[in-house]
Amino acid sequence: MVKLKVAFRNKSDKPISFLRWSTPFDPRAVPSGVFEFKSTATGELAPCLNLKLNRKMPESGTYDGEDIEHIDAGGETSKQIEIKAPEVVLSKGEKGDFESEGVEVEIA
């Protein structure tokens, strides 16, 4: 198992809110392939479930607090993410690169 700390910073002078779906803050981010791990030795991607999730808009027309992330102006929020099999299969002792498309992610 590998643990990653993912942090989002709001550099704006206004608060922001976003839907967590398909972002590193999505509870299903790892099995849905938001993250990619590439072997530095072979250049191959680590096997991932790459789940395709269909989600419906709530009947009420609004999302609950579990689906929305809020970041104050100039603020930051972070989350610890666990990468483990069978969601992503990493080879023990192998070095790799990490990517998450469309977002800047710091690994701590």
PDB file of N, CA and C in Angstrom:
ATOM      1  N   MET A   1       0.846  -1.177   0.000  1.00  0.00           N
ATOM      2  CA  MET A   1       0.000   0.000   0.000  1.00  0.00           C
ATOM      3  C   MET A   1       0.893   1.242   0.000  1.00  0.00           C
ATOM      4  N   VAL A   2       0.469   2.251  -0.755  1.00  0.00           N
ATOM      5  CA  VAL A   2       1.158   3.533  -0.830  1.00  0.00           C
ATOM      6  C   VAL A   2       0.182   4.599  -0.356  1.00  0.00           C
ATOM      7  N   LYS A   3       0.660   5.533   0.448  1.00  0.00           N
ATOM      8  CA  LYS A   3      -0.182   6.646   0.894  1.00  0.00           C
ATOM      9  C   LYS A   3       0.297   7.927   0.229  1.00  0.00           C
ATOM     10  N   LEU A   4      -0.654   8.692  -0.290  1.00  0.00           N
ATOM     11  CA  LEU A   4      -0.366   9.982  -0.916  1.00  0.00           C
ATOM     12  C   LEU A   4      -1.146  11.066  -0.191  1.00  0.00           C
ATOM     13  N   LYS A   5      -0.513  12.205  -0.031  1.00  0.00           N
ATOM     14  CA  LYS A   5      -1.234  13.377   0.465  1.00  0.00           C
ATOM     15  C   LYS A   5      -1.485  14.272  -0.739  1.00  0.00           C
ATOM     16  N   VAL A   6      -2.750  14.522  -1.013  1.00  0.00           N
ATOM     17  CA  VAL A   6      -3.139  15.377  -2.128  1.00  0.00           C
ATOM     18  C   VAL A   6      -3.674  16.678  -1.534  1.00  0.00           C
ATOM     19  N   ALA A   7      -3.152  17.804  -2.014  1.00  0.00           N
ATOM     20  CA  ALA A   7      -3.585  19.108  -1.513  1.00  0.00           C
ATOM     21  C   ALA A   7      -4.069  19.979  -2.665  1.00  0.00           C
ATOM     22  N   PHE A   8      -5.162  20.667  -2.442  1.00  0.00           N
ATOM     23  CA  PHE A   8      -5.673  21.662  -3.386  1.00  0.00           C
ATOM     24  C   PHE A   8      -5.528  23.020  -2.716  1.00  0.00           C
ATOM     25  N   ARG A   9      -4.974  23.981  -3.442  1.00  0.00           N
ATOM     26  CA  ARG A   9      -4.835  25.347  -2.950  1.00  0.00           C
ATOM     27  C   ARG A   9      -5.705  26.276  -3.786  1.00  0.00           C
ATOM     28  N   ASN A  10      -6.392  27.156  -3.102  1.00  0.00           N
ATOM     29  CA  ASN A  10      -7.189  28.177  -3.777  1.00  0.00           C
ATOM     30  C   ASN A  10      -6.386  29.470  -3.755  1.00  0.00           C
ATOM     31  N   LYS A  11      -5.799  29.835  -4.873  1.00  0.00           N
ATOM     32  CA  LYS A  11      -4.987  31.052  -4.949  1.00  0.00           C
ATOM     33  C   LYS A  11      -5.836  32.290  -5.233  1.00  0.00           C
ATOM     34  N   SER A  12      -7.126  32.100  -5.345  1.00  0.00           N
ATOM     35  CA  SER A  12      -8.054  33.189  -5.636  1.00  0.00           C
ATOM     36  C   SER A  12      -8.365  33.982  -4.364  1.00  0.00           C
ATOM     37  N   ASP A  13      -8.894  35.184  -4.543  1.00  0.00           N
ATOM     38  CA  ASP A  13      -9.337  35.979  -3.400  1.00  0.00           C
ATOM     39  C   ASP A  13     -10.815  35.721  -3.090  1.00  0.00           C
ATOM     40  N   LYS A  14     -11.366  34.681  -3.732  1.00  0.00           N
ATOM     41  CA  LYS A  14     -12.759  34.296  -3.495  1.00  0.00           C
ATOM     42  C   LYS A  14     -12.814  32.811  -3.130  1.00  0.00           C
ATOM     43  N   PRO A  15     -13.766  32.420  -2.285  1.00  0.00           N
ATOM     44  CA  PRO A  15     -13.911  30.999  -1.972  1.00  0.00           C
ATOM     45  C   PRO A  15     -14.380  30.227  -3.209  1.00  0.00           C
ATOM     46  N   ILE A  16     -14.043  28.954  -3.272  1.00  0.00           N
ATOM     47  CA  ILE A  16     -14.499  28.111  -4.378  1.00  0.00           C
ATOM     48  C   ILE A  16     -15.151  26.850  -3.831  1.00  0.00           C
ATOM     49  N   SER A  17     -16.000  26.285  -4.633  1.00  0.00           N
ATOM     50  CA  SER A  17     -16.634  25.000  -4.342  1.00  0.00           C
ATOM     51  C   SER A  17     -16.605  24.190  -5.622  1.00  0.00           C
ATOM     52  N   PHE A  18     -16.401  22.885  -5.490  1.00  0.00           N
ATOM     53  CA  PHE A  18     -16.403  22.030  -6.672  1.00  0.00           C
ATOM     54  C   PHE A  18     -16.954  20.657  -6.328  1.00  0.00           C
ATOM     55  N   LEU A  19     -17.487  20.016  -7.337  1.00  0.00           N
ATOM     56  CA  LEU A  19     -17.992  18.660  -7.212  1.00  0.00           C
ATOM     57  C   LEU A  19     -16.799  17.713  -7.175  1.00  0.00           C
ATOM     58  N   ARG A  20     -16.713  16.856  -6.198  1.00  0.00           N
ATOM     59  CA  ARG A  20     -15.565  15.963  -6.010  1.00  0.00           C
ATOM     60  C   ARG A  20     -15.440  14.882  -7.078  1.00  0.00           C
ATOM     61  N   TRP A  21     -16.488  14.596  -7.789  1.00  0.00           N
ATOM     62  CA  TRP A  21     -16.484  13.491  -8.746  1.00  0.00           C
ATOM     63  C   TRP A  21     -15.345  13.637  -9.745  1.00  0.00           C
ATOM     64  N   SER A  22     -14.653  12.545 -10.000  1.00  0.00           N
ATOM     65  CA  SER A  22     -13.565  12.462 -10.981  1.00  0.00           C
ATOM     66  C   SER A  22     -12.405  13.404 -10.678  1.00  0.00           C
ATOM     67  N   THR A  23     -12.216  13.734  -9.417  1.00  0.00           N
ATOM     68  CA  THR A  23     -11.050  14.492  -8.971  1.00  0.00           C
ATOM     69  C   THR A  23     -10.296  13.626  -7.964  1.00  0.00           C
ATOM     70  N   PRO A  24      -9.087  14.010  -7.574  1.00  0.00           N
ATOM     71  CA  PRO A  24      -8.386  13.250  -6.537  1.00  0.00           C
ATOM     72  C   PRO A  24      -9.136  13.201  -5.206  1.00  0.00           C
ATOM     73  N   PHE A  25     -10.118  14.067  -4.994  1.00  0.00           N
ATOM     74  CA  PHE A  25     -10.898  14.048  -3.756  1.00  0.00           C
ATOM     75  C   PHE A  25     -12.105  13.119  -3.836  1.00  0.00           C
ATOM     76  N   ASP A  26     -12.353  12.520  -4.961  1.00  0.00           N
ATOM     77  CA  ASP A  26     -13.438  11.555  -5.137  1.00  0.00           C
ATOM     78  C   ASP A  26     -13.095  10.300  -4.337  1.00  0.00           C
ATOM     79  N   PRO A  27     -14.007   9.804  -3.487  1.00  0.00           N
ATOM     80  CA  PRO A  27     -13.721   8.574  -2.743  1.00  0.00           C
ATOM     81  C   PRO A  27     -13.403   7.381  -3.654  1.00  0.00           C
ATOM     82  N   ARG A  28     -13.816   7.454  -4.917  1.00  0.00           N
ATOM     83  CA  ARG A  28     -13.547   6.372  -5.876  1.00  0.00           C
ATOM     84  C   ARG A  28     -12.459   6.762  -6.882  1.00  0.00           C
ATOM     85  N   ALA A  29     -11.628   7.734  -6.530  1.00  0.00           N
ATOM     86  CA  ALA A  29     -10.594   8.239  -7.450  1.00  0.00           C
ATOM     87  C   ALA A  29      -9.604   7.157  -7.865  1.00  0.00           C
ATOM     88  N   VAL A  30      -9.151   6.351  -6.920  1.00  0.00           N
ATOM     89  CA  VAL A  30      -8.128   5.342  -7.239  1.00  0.00           C
ATOM     90  C   VAL A  30      -8.675   4.272  -8.183  1.00  0.00           C
ATOM     91  N   PRO A  31      -9.781   3.592  -7.853  1.00  0.00           N
ATOM     92  CA  PRO A  31     -10.253   2.550  -8.773  1.00  0.00           C
ATOM     93  C   PRO A  31     -10.789   3.085 -10.098  1.00  0.00           C
ATOM     94  N   SER A  32     -11.153   4.370 -10.149  1.00  0.00           N
ATOM     95  CA  SER A  32     -11.680   4.908 -11.406  1.00  0.00           C
ATOM     96  C   SER A  32     -10.591   5.466 -12.313  1.00  0.00           C
ATOM     97  N   GLY A  33      -9.336   5.382 -11.895  1.00  0.00           N
ATOM     98  CA  GLY A  33      -8.231   5.756 -12.771  1.00  0.00           C
ATOM     99  C   GLY A  33      -7.881   7.230 -12.795  1.00  0.00           C
ATOM    100  N   VAL A  34      -8.294   7.992 -11.778  1.00  0.00           N
ATOM    101  CA  VAL A  34      -7.909   9.400 -11.706  1.00  0.00           C
ATOM    102  C   VAL A  34      -6.384   9.509 -11.596  1.00  0.00           C
ATOM    103  N   PHE A  35      -5.772   8.552 -10.921  1.00  0.00           N
ATOM    104  CA  PHE A  35      -4.319   8.513 -10.765  1.00  0.00           C
ATOM    105  C   PHE A  35      -3.726   7.466 -11.694  1.00  0.00           C
ATOM    106  N   GLU A  36      -2.545   7.751 -12.218  1.00  0.00           N
ATOM    107  CA  GLU A  36      -1.799   6.772 -13.016  1.00  0.00           C
ATOM    108  C   GLU A  36      -0.407   6.619 -12.423  1.00  0.00           C
ATOM    109  N   PHE A  37       0.075   5.394 -12.415  1.00  0.00           N
ATOM    110  CA  PHE A  37       1.414   5.096 -11.929  1.00  0.00           C
ATOM    111  C   PHE A  37       2.182   4.416 -13.044  1.00  0.00           C
ATOM    112  N   LYS A  38       3.306   5.004 -13.420  1.00  0.00           N
ATOM    113  CA  LYS A  38       4.105   4.480 -14.522  1.00  0.00           C
ATOM    114  C   LYS A  38       5.458   4.021 -14.003  1.00  0.00           C
ATOM    115  N   SER A  39       5.871   2.816 -14.384  1.00  0.00           N
ATOM    116  CA  SER A  39       7.171   2.278 -14.006  1.00  0.00           C
ATOM    117  C   SER A  39       8.276   3.101 -14.654  1.00  0.00           C
ATOM    118  N   THR A  40       9.258   3.525 -13.855  1.00  0.00           N
ATOM    119  CA  THR A  40      10.391   4.248 -14.434  1.00  0.00           C
ATOM    120  C   THR A  40      11.319   3.297 -15.175  1.00  0.00           C
ATOM    121  N   ALA A  41      11.252   2.005 -14.866  1.00  0.00           N
ATOM    122  CA  ALA A  41      12.109   1.015 -15.531  1.00  0.00           C
ATOM    123  C   ALA A  41      11.562   0.615 -16.898  1.00  0.00           C
ATOM    124  N   THR A  42      10.246   0.370 -16.978  1.00  0.00           N
ATOM    125  CA  THR A  42       9.659  -0.146 -18.222  1.00  0.00           C
ATOM    126  C   THR A  42       8.803   0.877 -18.965  1.00  0.00           C
ATOM    127  N   GLY A  43       8.365   1.919 -18.272  1.00  0.00           N
ATOM    128  CA  GLY A  43       7.474   2.902 -18.883  1.00  0.00           C
ATOM    129  C   GLY A  43       6.029   2.447 -18.947  1.00  0.00           C
ATOM    130  N   GLU A  44       5.734   1.267 -18.410  1.00  0.00           N
ATOM    131  CA  GLU A  44       4.372   0.733 -18.448  1.00  0.00           C
ATOM    132  C   GLU A  44       3.557   1.244 -17.266  1.00  0.00           C
ATOM    133  N   LEU A  45       2.262   1.429 -17.510  1.00  0.00           N
ATOM    134  CA  LEU A  45       1.363   1.840 -16.444  1.00  0.00           C
ATOM    135  C   LEU A  45       1.032   0.654 -15.551  1.00  0.00           C
ATOM    136  N   ALA A  46       0.914   0.917 -14.249  1.00  0.00           N
ATOM    137  CA  ALA A  46       0.493  -0.127 -13.315  1.00  0.00           C
ATOM    138  C   ALA A  46      -0.959  -0.486 -13.621  1.00  0.00           C
ATOM    139  N   PRO A  47      -1.304  -1.780 -13.545  1.00  0.00           N
ATOM    140  CA  PRO A  47      -2.688  -2.185 -13.793  1.00  0.00           C
ATOM    141  C   PRO A  47      -3.649  -1.510 -12.806  1.00  0.00           C
ATOM    142  N   CYS A  48      -4.759  -1.037 -13.327  1.00  0.00           N
ATOM    143  CA  CYS A  48      -5.762  -0.337 -12.522  1.00  0.00           C
ATOM    144  C   CYS A  48      -7.142  -0.842 -12.935  1.00  0.00           C
ATOM    145  N   LEU A  49      -8.082  -0.827 -12.001  1.00  0.00           N
ATOM    146  CA  LEU A  49      -9.441  -1.264 -12.326  1.00  0.00           C
ATOM    147  C   LEU A  49     -10.093  -0.369 -13.379  1.00  0.00           C
ATOM    148  N   ASN A  50      -9.779   0.917 -13.387  1.00  0.00           N
ATOM    149  CA  ASN A  50     -10.369   1.872 -14.337  1.00  0.00           C
ATOM    150  C   ASN A  50     -11.891   1.753 -14.416  1.00  0.00           C
ATOM    151  N   LEU A  51     -12.515   1.785 -13.257  1.00  0.00           N
ATOM    152  CA  LEU A  51     -13.973   1.710 -13.205  1.00  0.00           C
ATOM    153  C   LEU A  51     -14.597   2.910 -13.899  1.00  0.00           C
ATOM    154  N   LYS A  52     -15.631   2.679 -14.632  1.00  0.00           N
ATOM    155  CA  LYS A  52     -16.407   3.751 -15.255  1.00  0.00           C
ATOM    156  C   LYS A  52     -17.699   3.881 -14.458  1.00  0.00           C
ATOM    157  N   LEU A  53     -17.859   5.023 -13.826  1.00  0.00           N
ATOM    158  CA  LEU A  53     -18.999   5.223 -12.943  1.00  0.00           C
ATOM    159  C   LEU A  53     -20.028   6.139 -13.588  1.00  0.00           C
ATOM    160  N   ASN A  54     -21.262   5.709 -13.560  1.00  0.00           N
ATOM    161  CA  ASN A  54     -22.372   6.555 -13.996  1.00  0.00           C
ATOM    162  C   ASN A  54     -23.036   7.094 -12.740  1.00  0.00           C
ATOM    163  N   ARG A  55     -23.130   8.393 -12.667  1.00  0.00           N
ATOM    164  CA  ARG A  55     -23.740   9.012 -11.503  1.00  0.00           C
ATOM    165  C   ARG A  55     -24.900   9.878 -11.966  1.00  0.00           C
ATOM    166  N   LYS A  56     -25.940   9.871 -11.168  1.00  0.00           N
ATOM    167  CA  LYS A  56     -27.128  10.645 -11.513  1.00  0.00           C
ATOM    168  C   LYS A  56     -27.173  11.928 -10.698  1.00  0.00           C
ATOM    169  N   MET A  57     -27.746  12.927 -11.313  1.00  0.00           N
ATOM    170  CA  MET A  57     -28.034  14.164 -10.590  1.00  0.00           C
ATOM    171  C   MET A  57     -29.077  13.822  -9.537  1.00  0.00           C
ATOM    172  N   PRO A  58     -28.916  14.321  -8.320  1.00  0.00           N
ATOM    173  CA  PRO A  58     -29.918  14.040  -7.284  1.00  0.00           C
ATOM    174  C   PRO A  58     -31.300  14.545  -7.698  1.00  0.00           C
ATOM    175  N   GLU A  59     -32.321  13.814  -7.302  1.00  0.00           N
ATOM    176  CA  GLU A  59     -33.694  14.211  -7.643  1.00  0.00           C
ATOM    177  C   GLU A  59     -34.021  15.597  -7.111  1.00  0.00           C
ATOM    178  N   SER A  60     -33.412  15.952  -5.986  1.00  0.00           N
ATOM    179  CA  SER A  60     -33.665  17.273  -5.397  1.00  0.00           C
ATOM    180  C   SER A  60     -33.052  18.393  -6.231  1.00  0.00           C
ATOM    181  N   GLY A  61     -32.109  18.045  -7.110  1.00  0.00           N
ATOM    182  CA  GLY A  61     -31.442  19.054  -7.928  1.00  0.00           C
ATOM    183  C   GLY A  61     -30.228  19.675  -7.272  1.00  0.00           C
ATOM    184  N   THR A  62     -29.962  19.287  -6.025  1.00  0.00           N
ATOM    185  CA  THR A  62     -28.784  19.805  -5.324  1.00  0.00           C
ATOM    186  C   THR A  62     -27.970  18.646  -4.761  1.00  0.00           C
ATOM    187  N   TYR A  63     -26.674  18.855  -4.693  1.00  0.00           N
ATOM    188  CA  TYR A  63     -25.773  17.832  -4.159  1.00  0.00           C
ATOM    189  C   TYR A  63     -25.612  18.030  -2.665  1.00  0.00           C
ATOM    190  N   ASP A  64     -25.421  16.915  -1.948  1.00  0.00           N
ATOM    191  CA  ASP A  64     -25.220  17.045  -0.511  1.00  0.00           C
ATOM    192  C   ASP A  64     -23.752  17.369  -0.216  1.00  0.00           C
ATOM    193  N   GLY A  65     -23.465  17.671   1.024  1.00  0.00           N
ATOM    194  CA  GLY A  65     -22.132  18.086   1.440  1.00  0.00           C
ATOM    195  C   GLY A  65     -21.042  17.073   1.177  1.00  0.00           C
ATOM    196  N   GLU A  66     -21.387  15.799   1.093  1.00  0.00           N
ATOM    197  CA  GLU A  66     -20.375  14.769   0.835  1.00  0.00           C
ATOM    198  C   GLU A  66     -19.816  14.854  -0.578  1.00  0.00           C
ATOM    199  N   ASP A  67     -20.558  15.413  -1.499  1.00  0.00           N
ATOM    200  CA  ASP A  67     -20.130  15.484  -2.897  1.00  0.00           C
ATOM    201  C   ASP A  67     -19.439  16.797  -3.257  1.00  0.00           C
ATOM    202  N   ILE A  68     -19.525  17.785  -2.380  1.00  0.00           N
ATOM    203  CA  ILE A  68     -18.989  19.118  -2.661  1.00  0.00           C
ATOM    204  C   ILE A  68     -17.805  19.406  -1.741  1.00  0.00           C
ATOM    205  N   GLU A  69     -16.762  19.966  -2.309  1.00  0.00           N
ATOM    206  CA  GLU A  69     -15.591  20.402  -1.537  1.00  0.00           C
ATOM    207  C   GLU A  69     -15.558  21.928  -1.574  1.00  0.00           C
ATOM    208  N   HIS A  70     -15.314  22.557  -0.437  1.00  0.00           N
ATOM    209  CA  HIS A  70     -15.234  24.015  -0.334  1.00  0.00           C
ATOM    210  C   HIS A  70     -13.825  24.391   0.103  1.00  0.00           C
ATOM    211  N   ILE A  71     -13.273  25.429  -0.525  1.00  0.00           N
ATOM    212  CA  ILE A  71     -11.964  25.944  -0.126  1.00  0.00           C
ATOM    213  C   ILE A  71     -12.086  27.460  -0.012  1.00  0.00           C
ATOM    214  N   ASP A  72     -11.745  27.984   1.156  1.00  0.00           N
ATOM    215  CA  ASP A  72     -11.803  29.422   1.379  1.00  0.00           C
ATOM    216  C   ASP A  72     -10.795  30.151   0.501  1.00  0.00           C
ATOM    217  N   ALA A  73     -11.009  31.447   0.320  1.00  0.00           N
ATOM    218  CA  ALA A  73     -10.075  32.281  -0.439  1.00  0.00           C
ATOM    219  C   ALA A  73      -8.684  32.174   0.191  1.00  0.00           C
ATOM    220  N   GLY A  74      -7.691  31.869  -0.625  1.00  0.00           N
ATOM    221  CA  GLY A  74      -6.326  31.715  -0.131  1.00  0.00           C
ATOM    222  C   GLY A  74      -6.115  30.474   0.714  1.00  0.00           C
ATOM    223  N   GLY A  75      -7.104  29.616   0.787  1.00  0.00           N
ATOM    224  CA  GLY A  75      -7.040  28.441   1.649  1.00  0.00           C
ATOM    225  C   GLY A  75      -6.538  27.194   0.940  1.00  0.00           C
ATOM    226  N   GLU A  76      -6.481  26.132   1.699  1.00  0.00           N
ATOM    227  CA  GLU A  76      -6.013  24.839   1.193  1.00  0.00           C
ATOM    228  C   GLU A  76      -6.786  23.733   1.889  1.00  0.00           C
ATOM    229  N   THR A  77      -6.991  22.663   1.184  1.00  0.00           N
ATOM    230  CA  THR A  77      -7.561  21.463   1.777  1.00  0.00           C
ATOM    231  C   THR A  77      -6.743  20.282   1.286  1.00  0.00           C
ATOM    232  N   SER A  78      -6.626  19.259   2.119  1.00  0.00           N
ATOM    233  CA  SER A  78      -5.826  18.103   1.722  1.00  0.00           C
ATOM    234  C   SER A  78      -6.519  16.821   2.146  1.00  0.00           C
ATOM    235  N   LYS A  79      -6.062  15.744   1.544  1.00  0.00           N
ATOM    236  CA  LYS A  79      -6.639  14.429   1.820  1.00  0.00           C
ATOM    237  C   LYS A  79      -5.551  13.381   1.688  1.00  0.00           C
ATOM    238  N   GLN A  80      -5.561  12.406   2.576  1.00  0.00           N
ATOM    239  CA  GLN A  80      -4.658  11.264   2.500  1.00  0.00           C
ATOM    240  C   GLN A  80      -5.347  10.181   1.669  1.00  0.00           C
ATOM    241  N   ILE A  81      -4.663   9.704   0.648  1.00  0.00           N
ATOM    242  CA  ILE A  81      -5.231   8.705  -0.253  1.00  0.00           C
ATOM    243  C   ILE A  81      -4.408   7.432  -0.163  1.00  0.00           C
ATOM    244  N   GLU A  82      -5.086   6.302  -0.064  1.00  0.00           N
ATOM    245  CA  GLU A  82      -4.401   5.005  -0.027  1.00  0.00           C
ATOM    246  C   GLU A  82      -4.498   4.341  -1.390  1.00  0.00           C
ATOM    247  N   ILE A  83      -3.339   3.961  -1.923  1.00  0.00           N
ATOM    248  CA  ILE A  83      -3.267   3.253  -3.199  1.00  0.00           C
ATOM    249  C   ILE A  83      -2.950   1.803  -2.861  1.00  0.00           C
ATOM    250  N   LYS A  84      -3.855   0.887  -3.206  1.00  0.00           N
ATOM    251  CA  LYS A  84      -3.639  -0.519  -2.855  1.00  0.00           C
ATOM    252  C   LYS A  84      -4.296  -1.429  -3.885  1.00  0.00           C
ATOM    253  N   ALA A  85      -3.827  -2.662  -3.914  1.00  0.00           N
ATOM    254  CA  ALA A  85      -4.423  -3.675  -4.782  1.00  0.00           C
ATOM    255  C   ALA A  85      -5.788  -4.044  -4.203  1.00  0.00           C
ATOM    256  N   PRO A  86      -6.734  -4.411  -5.008  1.00  0.00           N
ATOM    257  CA  PRO A  86      -6.684  -4.612  -6.451  1.00  0.00           C
ATOM    258  C   PRO A  86      -6.979  -3.347  -7.252  1.00  0.00           C
ATOM    259  N   GLU A  87      -7.216  -2.196  -6.555  1.00  0.00           N
ATOM    260  CA  GLU A  87      -7.552  -0.965  -7.281  1.00  0.00           C
ATOM    261  C   GLU A  87      -6.439  -0.566  -8.244  1.00  0.00           C
ATOM    262  N   VAL A  88      -5.202  -0.575  -7.759  1.00  0.00           N
ATOM    263  CA  VAL A  88      -4.004  -0.367  -8.569  1.00  0.00           C
ATOM    264  C   VAL A  88      -2.982  -1.368  -8.067  1.00  0.00           C
ATOM    265  N   VAL A  89      -2.354  -2.094  -8.984  1.00  0.00           N
ATOM    266  CA  VAL A  89      -1.377  -3.113  -8.592  1.00  0.00           C
ATOM    267  C   VAL A  89       0.022  -2.552  -8.815  1.00  0.00           C
ATOM    268  N   LEU A  90       0.702  -2.246  -7.704  1.00  0.00           N
ATOM    269  CA  LEU A  90       2.063  -1.729  -7.753  1.00  0.00           C
ATOM    270  C   LEU A  90       3.027  -2.850  -7.397  1.00  0.00           C
ATOM    271  N   SER A  91       4.149  -2.916  -8.094  1.00  0.00           N
ATOM    272  CA  SER A  91       5.156  -3.942  -7.821  1.00  0.00           C
ATOM    273  C   SER A  91       6.039  -3.483  -6.676  1.00  0.00           C
ATOM    274  N   LYS A  92       6.218  -4.341  -5.692  1.00  0.00           N
ATOM    275  CA  LYS A  92       7.023  -4.017  -4.519  1.00  0.00           C
ATOM    276  C   LYS A  92       8.457  -3.701  -4.934  1.00  0.00           C
ATOM    277  N   GLY A  93       8.972  -2.590  -4.427  1.00  0.00           N
ATOM    278  CA  GLY A  93      10.351  -2.207  -4.683  1.00  0.00           C
ATOM    279  C   GLY A  93      10.581  -1.484  -5.994  1.00  0.00           C
ATOM    280  N   GLU A  94       9.575  -1.429  -6.849  1.00  0.00           N
ATOM    281  CA  GLU A  94       9.746  -0.760  -8.141  1.00  0.00           C
ATOM    282  C   GLU A  94       9.506   0.737  -7.981  1.00  0.00           C
ATOM    283  N   LYS A  95      10.301   1.530  -8.691  1.00  0.00           N
ATOM    284  CA  LYS A  95      10.137   2.979  -8.657  1.00  0.00           C
ATOM    285  C   LYS A  95       9.237   3.398  -9.803  1.00  0.00           C
ATOM    286  N   GLY A  96       8.428   4.414  -9.531  1.00  0.00           N
ATOM    287  CA  GLY A  96       7.511   4.854 -10.571  1.00  0.00           C
ATOM    288  C   GLY A  96       7.211   6.328 -10.492  1.00  0.00           C
ATOM    289  N   ASP A  97       6.603   6.830 -11.559  1.00  0.00           N
ATOM    290  CA  ASP A  97       6.138   8.209 -11.625  1.00  0.00           C
ATOM    291  C   ASP A  97       4.636   8.219 -11.387  1.00  0.00           C
ATOM    292  N   PHE A  98       4.158   9.338 -10.903  1.00  0.00           N
ATOM    293  CA  PHE A  98       2.758   9.498 -10.550  1.00  0.00           C
ATOM    294  C   PHE A  98       2.165  10.635 -11.363  1.00  0.00           C
ATOM    295  N   GLU A  99       0.950  10.457 -11.862  1.00  0.00           N
ATOM    296  CA  GLU A  99       0.251  11.520 -12.592  1.00  0.00           C
ATOM    297  C   GLU A  99      -1.222  11.512 -12.228  1.00  0.00           C
ATOM    298  N   SER A 100      -1.795  12.694 -12.258  1.00  0.00           N
ATOM    299  CA  SER A 100      -3.239  12.845 -12.152  1.00  0.00           C
ATOM    300  C   SER A 100      -3.624  13.919 -13.157  1.00  0.00           C
ATOM    301  N   GLU A 101      -4.359  13.541 -14.173  1.00  0.00           N
ATOM    302  CA  GLU A 101      -4.648  14.432 -15.303  1.00  0.00           C
ATOM    303  C   GLU A 101      -5.451  15.660 -14.891  1.00  0.00           C
ATOM    304  N   GLY A 102      -4.978  16.806 -15.340  1.00  0.00           N
ATOM    305  CA  GLY A 102      -5.740  18.034 -15.179  1.00  0.00           C
ATOM    306  C   GLY A 102      -5.609  18.742 -13.849  1.00  0.00           C
ATOM    307  N   VAL A 103      -4.850  18.191 -12.918  1.00  0.00           N
ATOM    308  CA  VAL A 103      -4.677  18.854 -11.625  1.00  0.00           C
ATOM    309  C   VAL A 103      -3.214  18.821 -11.222  1.00  0.00           C
ATOM    310  N   GLU A 104      -2.824  19.809 -10.442  1.00  0.00           N
ATOM    311  CA  GLU A 104      -1.475  19.828  -9.893  1.00  0.00           C
ATOM    312  C   GLU A 104      -1.531  19.143  -8.538  1.00  0.00           C
ATOM    313  N   VAL A 105      -0.764  18.085  -8.373  1.00  0.00           N
ATOM    314  CA  VAL A 105      -0.806  17.297  -7.153  1.00  0.00           C
ATOM    315  C   VAL A 105       0.580  17.258  -6.543  1.00  0.00           C
ATOM    316  N   GLU A 106       0.663  17.512  -5.236  1.00  0.00           N
ATOM    317  CA  GLU A 106       1.928  17.392  -4.530  1.00  0.00           C
ATOM    318  C   GLU A 106       1.912  16.099  -3.733  1.00  0.00           C
ATOM    319  N   ILE A 107       2.987  15.344  -3.823  1.00  0.00           N
ATOM    320  CA  ILE A 107       3.102  14.113  -3.047  1.00  0.00           C
ATOM    321  C   ILE A 107       3.967  14.411  -1.840  1.00  0.00           C
ATOM    322  N   ALA A 108       3.415  14.194  -0.644  1.00  0.00           N
ATOM    323  CA  ALA A 108       4.166  14.468   0.588  1.00  0.00           C
ATOM    324  C   ALA A 108       4.594  13.175   1.241  1.00  0.00           C
TER     325      ALA A 108
END
